[in-house]
Amino acid sequence: MLIYDKVKSICEEKGISVRQLEISAGLTNGTISKWNESSPTIHNLKAVADVLKVKVDKLIS
């Protein structure tokens, strides 16, 4: 499973949209959707993990 797909799945479990997640994590619109094509920065991964209250490992495993 690609990182974006994993993040989207966790968002669905938690009842938030990917866009809401981007806003809460301080990311620009569409940042997370690009993660299927390019690798995210560690900083962005950590920000997303913090908002979702999961470990970074869950996003990349």
PDB file of N, CA and C in Angstrom:
ATOM      1  N   MET A   1       0.849  -1.177   0.000  1.00  0.00           N
ATOM      2  CA  MET A   1       0.000   0.000   0.000  1.00  0.00           C
ATOM      3  C   MET A   1       0.895   1.242   0.000  1.00  0.00           C
ATOM      4  N   LEU A   2       0.585   2.184  -0.856  1.00  0.00           N
ATOM      5  CA  LEU A   2       1.345   3.425  -0.949  1.00  0.00           C
ATOM      6  C   LEU A   2       1.023   4.343   0.234  1.00  0.00           C
ATOM      7  N   ILE A   3       1.918   5.275   0.515  1.00  0.00           N
ATOM      8  CA  ILE A   3       1.757   6.133   1.691  1.00  0.00           C
ATOM      9  C   ILE A   3       0.435   6.903   1.645  1.00  0.00           C
ATOM     10  N   TYR A   4       0.108   7.489   0.493  1.00  0.00           N
ATOM     11  CA  TYR A   4      -1.145   8.246   0.404  1.00  0.00           C
ATOM     12  C   TYR A   4      -2.328   7.347   0.721  1.00  0.00           C
ATOM     13  N   ASP A   5      -2.333   6.144   0.170  1.00  0.00           N
ATOM     14  CA  ASP A   5      -3.442   5.220   0.404  1.00  0.00           C
ATOM     15  C   ASP A   5      -3.556   4.863   1.886  1.00  0.00           C
ATOM     16  N   LYS A   6      -2.421   4.698   2.537  1.00  0.00           N
ATOM     17  CA  LYS A   6      -2.407   4.391   3.971  1.00  0.00           C
ATOM     18  C   LYS A   6      -2.966   5.572   4.762  1.00  0.00           C
ATOM     19  N   VAL A   7      -2.512   6.776   4.437  1.00  0.00           N
ATOM     20  CA  VAL A   7      -2.994   7.974   5.130  1.00  0.00           C
ATOM     21  C   VAL A   7      -4.496   8.135   4.914  1.00  0.00           C
ATOM     22  N   LYS A   8      -4.948   7.949   3.690  1.00  0.00           N
ATOM     23  CA  LYS A   8      -6.376   8.086   3.382  1.00  0.00           C
ATOM     24  C   LYS A   8      -7.201   7.073   4.174  1.00  0.00           C
ATOM     25  N   SER A   9      -6.714   5.854   4.272  1.00  0.00           N
ATOM     26  CA  SER A   9      -7.404   4.820   5.029  1.00  0.00           C
ATOM     27  C   SER A   9      -7.517   5.189   6.509  1.00  0.00           C
ATOM     28  N   ILE A  10      -6.430   5.699   7.079  1.00  0.00           N
ATOM     29  CA  ILE A  10      -6.452   6.111   8.488  1.00  0.00           C
ATOM     30  C   ILE A  10      -7.407   7.291   8.676  1.00  0.00           C
ATOM     31  N   CYS A  11      -7.419   8.218   7.732  1.00  0.00           N
ATOM     32  CA  CYS A  11      -8.354   9.345   7.788  1.00  0.00           C
ATOM     33  C   CYS A  11      -9.800   8.851   7.808  1.00  0.00           C
ATOM     34  N   GLU A  12     -10.098   7.882   6.956  1.00  0.00           N
ATOM     35  CA  GLU A  12     -11.451   7.331   6.909  1.00  0.00           C
ATOM     36  C   GLU A  12     -11.819   6.685   8.239  1.00  0.00           C
ATOM     37  N   GLU A  13     -10.875   5.961   8.839  1.00  0.00           N
ATOM     38  CA  GLU A  13     -11.115   5.337  10.145  1.00  0.00           C
ATOM     39  C   GLU A  13     -11.406   6.382  11.210  1.00  0.00           C
ATOM     40  N   LYS A  14     -10.748   7.535  11.119  1.00  0.00           N
ATOM     41  CA  LYS A  14     -10.874   8.576  12.133  1.00  0.00           C
ATOM     42  C   LYS A  14     -11.952   9.609  11.792  1.00  0.00           C
ATOM     43  N   GLY A  15     -12.567   9.479  10.622  1.00  0.00           N
ATOM     44  CA  GLY A  15     -13.664  10.358  10.250  1.00  0.00           C
ATOM     45  C   GLY A  15     -13.263  11.766   9.842  1.00  0.00           C
ATOM     46  N   ILE A  16     -12.055  11.904   9.274  1.00  0.00           N
ATOM     47  CA  ILE A  16     -11.649  13.218   8.768  1.00  0.00           C
ATOM     48  C   ILE A  16     -11.221  13.081   7.302  1.00  0.00           C
ATOM     49  N   SER A  17     -11.285  14.190   6.603  1.00  0.00           N
ATOM     50  CA  SER A  17     -10.865  14.167   5.202  1.00  0.00           C
ATOM     51  C   SER A  17      -9.363  14.401   5.113  1.00  0.00           C
ATOM     52  N   VAL A  18      -8.795  14.009   3.987  1.00  0.00           N
ATOM     53  CA  VAL A  18      -7.367  14.255   3.765  1.00  0.00           C
ATOM     54  C   VAL A  18      -7.105  15.760   3.774  1.00  0.00           C
ATOM     55  N   ARG A  19      -8.002  16.545   3.222  1.00  0.00           N
ATOM     56  CA  ARG A  19      -7.838  18.007   3.213  1.00  0.00           C
ATOM     57  C   ARG A  19      -7.828  18.571   4.633  1.00  0.00           C
ATOM     58  N   GLN A  20      -8.747  18.083   5.488  1.00  0.00           N
ATOM     59  CA  GLN A  20      -8.760  18.525   6.882  1.00  0.00           C
ATOM     60  C   GLN A  20      -7.431  18.177   7.560  1.00  0.00           C
ATOM     61  N   LEU A  21      -6.916  17.008   7.237  1.00  0.00           N
ATOM     62  CA  LEU A  21      -5.628  16.574   7.784  1.00  0.00           C
ATOM     63  C   LEU A  21      -4.516  17.515   7.328  1.00  0.00           C
ATOM     64  N   GLU A  22      -4.511  17.862   6.044  1.00  0.00           N
ATOM     65  CA  GLU A  22      -3.488  18.775   5.522  1.00  0.00           C
ATOM     66  C   GLU A  22      -3.530  20.114   6.258  1.00  0.00           C
ATOM     67  N   ILE A  23      -4.727  20.632   6.476  1.00  0.00           N
ATOM     68  CA  ILE A  23      -4.876  21.910   7.169  1.00  0.00           C
ATOM     69  C   ILE A  23      -4.351  21.797   8.597  1.00  0.00           C
ATOM     70  N   SER A  24      -4.756  20.744   9.298  1.00  0.00           N
ATOM     71  CA  SER A  24      -4.340  20.561  10.692  1.00  0.00           C
ATOM     72  C   SER A  24      -2.837  20.356  10.817  1.00  0.00           C
ATOM     73  N   ALA A  25      -2.236  19.723   9.801  1.00  0.00           N
ATOM     74  CA  ALA A  25      -0.794  19.455   9.831  1.00  0.00           C
ATOM     75  C   ALA A  25       0.020  20.618   9.265  1.00  0.00           C
ATOM     76  N   GLY A  26      -0.650  21.664   8.782  1.00  0.00           N
ATOM     77  CA  GLY A  26       0.050  22.823   8.246  1.00  0.00           C
ATOM     78  C   GLY A  26       0.621  22.599   6.856  1.00  0.00           C
ATOM     79  N   LEU A  27      -0.009  21.691   6.092  1.00  0.00           N
ATOM     80  CA  LEU A  27       0.466  21.378   4.740  1.00  0.00           C
ATOM     81  C   LEU A  27      -0.396  22.086   3.707  1.00  0.00           C
ATOM     82  N   THR A  28       0.160  22.314   2.539  1.00  0.00           N
ATOM     83  CA  THR A  28      -0.606  22.958   1.474  1.00  0.00           C
ATOM     84  C   THR A  28      -1.550  21.956   0.819  1.00  0.00           C
ATOM     85  N   ASN A  29      -2.541  22.481   0.142  1.00  0.00           N
ATOM     86  CA  ASN A  29      -3.558  21.662  -0.523  1.00  0.00           C
ATOM     87  C   ASN A  29      -2.909  20.728  -1.546  1.00  0.00           C
ATOM     88  N   GLY A  30      -3.192  19.453  -1.440  1.00  0.00           N
ATOM     89  CA  GLY A  30      -2.692  18.472  -2.394  1.00  0.00           C
ATOM     90  C   GLY A  30      -1.357  17.847  -2.039  1.00  0.00           C
ATOM     91  N   THR A  31      -0.758  18.292  -0.949  1.00  0.00           N
ATOM     92  CA  THR A  31       0.559  17.756  -0.567  1.00  0.00           C
ATOM     93  C   THR A  31       0.510  16.251  -0.376  1.00  0.00           C
ATOM     94  N   ILE A  32      -0.454  15.770   0.386  1.00  0.00           N
ATOM     95  CA  ILE A  32      -0.505  14.349   0.723  1.00  0.00           C
ATOM     96  C   ILE A  32      -0.806  13.498  -0.506  1.00  0.00           C
ATOM     97  N   SER A  33      -1.658  13.986  -1.395  1.00  0.00           N
ATOM     98  CA  SER A  33      -1.991  13.192  -2.592  1.00  0.00           C
ATOM     99  C   SER A  33      -0.785  12.977  -3.497  1.00  0.00           C
ATOM    100  N   LYS A  34       0.208  13.830  -3.401  1.00  0.00           N
ATOM    101  CA  LYS A  34       1.421  13.686  -4.205  1.00  0.00           C
ATOM    102  C   LYS A  34       2.356  12.609  -3.662  1.00  0.00           C
ATOM    103  N   TRP A  35       2.069  12.106  -2.475  1.00  0.00           N
ATOM    104  CA  TRP A  35       2.938  11.127  -1.843  1.00  0.00           C
ATOM    105  C   TRP A  35       2.934   9.773  -2.530  1.00  0.00           C
ATOM    106  N   ASN A  36       2.033   9.530  -3.447  1.00  0.00           N
ATOM    107  CA  ASN A  36       2.089   8.297  -4.233  1.00  0.00           C
ATOM    108  C   ASN A  36       3.146   8.398  -5.324  1.00  0.00           C
ATOM    109  N   GLU A  37       3.496   9.622  -5.691  1.00  0.00           N
ATOM    110  CA  GLU A  37       4.452   9.844  -6.780  1.00  0.00           C
ATOM    111  C   GLU A  37       5.839  10.237  -6.274  1.00  0.00           C
ATOM    112  N   SER A  38       5.894  10.863  -5.111  1.00  0.00           N
ATOM    113  CA  SER A  38       7.180  11.287  -4.560  1.00  0.00           C
ATOM    114  C   SER A  38       7.164  11.089  -3.051  1.00  0.00           C
ATOM    115  N   SER A  39       8.331  10.928  -2.491  1.00  0.00           N
ATOM    116  CA  SER A  39       8.444  10.670  -1.055  1.00  0.00           C
ATOM    117  C   SER A  39       8.215  11.946  -0.252  1.00  0.00           C
ATOM    118  N   PRO A  40       7.471  11.835   0.847  1.00  0.00           N
ATOM    119  CA  PRO A  40       7.272  12.999   1.712  1.00  0.00           C
ATOM    120  C   PRO A  40       8.531  13.278   2.534  1.00  0.00           C
ATOM    121  N   THR A  41       8.619  14.490   3.030  1.00  0.00           N
ATOM    122  CA  THR A  41       9.724  14.804   3.937  1.00  0.00           C
ATOM    123  C   THR A  41       9.421  14.196   5.302  1.00  0.00           C
ATOM    124  N   ILE A  42      10.465  13.977   6.066  1.00  0.00           N
ATOM    125  CA  ILE A  42      10.291  13.453   7.425  1.00  0.00           C
ATOM    126  C   ILE A  42       9.447  14.423   8.254  1.00  0.00           C
ATOM    127  N   HIS A  43       9.685  15.708   8.072  1.00  0.00           N
ATOM    128  CA  HIS A  43       8.928  16.734   8.804  1.00  0.00           C
ATOM    129  C   HIS A  43       7.428  16.607   8.518  1.00  0.00           C
ATOM    130  N   ASN A  44       7.060  16.469   7.239  1.00  0.00           N
ATOM    131  CA  ASN A  44       5.650  16.351   6.873  1.00  0.00           C
ATOM    132  C   ASN A  44       5.042  15.049   7.380  1.00  0.00           C
ATOM    133  N   LEU A  45       5.799  13.959   7.291  1.00  0.00           N
ATOM    134  CA  LEU A  45       5.308  12.682   7.817  1.00  0.00           C
ATOM    135  C   LEU A  45       5.029  12.783   9.311  1.00  0.00           C
ATOM    136  N   LYS A  46       5.953  13.410  10.035  1.00  0.00           N
ATOM    137  CA  LYS A  46       5.793  13.567  11.485  1.00  0.00           C
ATOM    138  C   LYS A  46       4.578  14.428  11.800  1.00  0.00           C
ATOM    139  N   ALA A  47       4.375  15.497  11.056  1.00  0.00           N
ATOM    140  CA  ALA A  47       3.224  16.376  11.280  1.00  0.00           C
ATOM    141  C   ALA A  47       1.915  15.624  11.072  1.00  0.00           C
ATOM    142  N   VAL A  48       1.852  14.820  10.013  1.00  0.00           N
ATOM    143  CA  VAL A  48       0.654  14.034   9.722  1.00  0.00           C
ATOM    144  C   VAL A  48       0.434  12.979  10.814  1.00  0.00           C
ATOM    145  N   ALA A  49       1.492  12.300  11.197  1.00  0.00           N
ATOM    146  CA  ALA A  49       1.386  11.279  12.243  1.00  0.00           C
ATOM    147  C   ALA A  49       0.895  11.897  13.559  1.00  0.00           C
ATOM    148  N   ASP A  50       1.398  13.080  13.885  1.00  0.00           N
ATOM    149  CA  ASP A  50       0.976  13.754  15.113  1.00  0.00           C
ATOM    150  C   ASP A  50      -0.515  14.079  15.087  1.00  0.00           C
ATOM    151  N   VAL A  51      -1.000  14.598  13.969  1.00  0.00           N
ATOM    152  CA  VAL A  51      -2.421  14.933  13.856  1.00  0.00           C
ATOM    153  C   VAL A  51      -3.276  13.671  13.944  1.00  0.00           C
ATOM    154  N   LEU A  52      -2.832  12.605  13.297  1.00  0.00           N
ATOM    155  CA  LEU A  52      -3.592  11.355  13.307  1.00  0.00           C
ATOM    156  C   LEU A  52      -3.411  10.562  14.602  1.00  0.00           C
ATOM    157  N   LYS A  53      -2.460  11.000  15.432  1.00  0.00           N
ATOM    158  CA  LYS A  53      -2.147  10.314  16.692  1.00  0.00           C
ATOM    159  C   LYS A  53      -1.715   8.866  16.446  1.00  0.00           C
ATOM    160  N   VAL A  54      -0.819   8.726  15.467  1.00  0.00           N
ATOM    161  CA  VAL A  54      -0.212   7.426  15.166  1.00  0.00           C
ATOM    162  C   VAL A  54       1.296   7.629  15.059  1.00  0.00           C
ATOM    163  N   LYS A  55       2.029   6.532  15.074  1.00  0.00           N
ATOM    164  CA  LYS A  55       3.471   6.605  14.872  1.00  0.00           C
ATOM    165  C   LYS A  55       3.767   6.683  13.376  1.00  0.00           C
ATOM    166  N   VAL A  56       4.862   7.317  13.030  1.00  0.00           N
ATOM    167  CA  VAL A  56       5.281   7.424  11.625  1.00  0.00           C
ATOM    168  C   VAL A  56       5.363   6.044  10.996  1.00  0.00           C
ATOM    169  N   ASP A  57       5.817   5.055  11.778  1.00  0.00           N
ATOM    170  CA  ASP A  57       5.929   3.678  11.266  1.00  0.00           C
ATOM    171  C   ASP A  57       4.618   3.175  10.673  1.00  0.00           C
ATOM    172  N   LYS A  58       3.498   3.568  11.277  1.00  0.00           N
ATOM    173  CA  LYS A  58       2.190   3.112  10.763  1.00  0.00           C
ATOM    174  C   LYS A  58       1.916   3.676   9.367  1.00  0.00           C
ATOM    175  N   LEU A  59       2.432   4.859   9.100  1.00  0.00           N
ATOM    176  CA  LEU A  59       2.199   5.497   7.801  1.00  0.00           C
ATOM    177  C   LEU A  59       3.056   4.864   6.700  1.00  0.00           C
ATOM    178  N   ILE A  60       4.219   4.353   7.066  1.00  0.00           N
ATOM    179  CA  ILE A  60       5.134   3.866   6.031  1.00  0.00           C
ATOM    180  C   ILE A  60       5.241   2.349   5.969  1.00  0.00           C
ATOM    181  N   SER A  61       4.526   1.662   6.858  1.00  0.00           N
ATOM    182  CA  SER A  61       4.603   0.193   6.835  1.00  0.00           C
ATOM    183  C   SER A  61       3.539  -0.420   5.942  1.00  0.00           C
TER     184      SER A  61
END
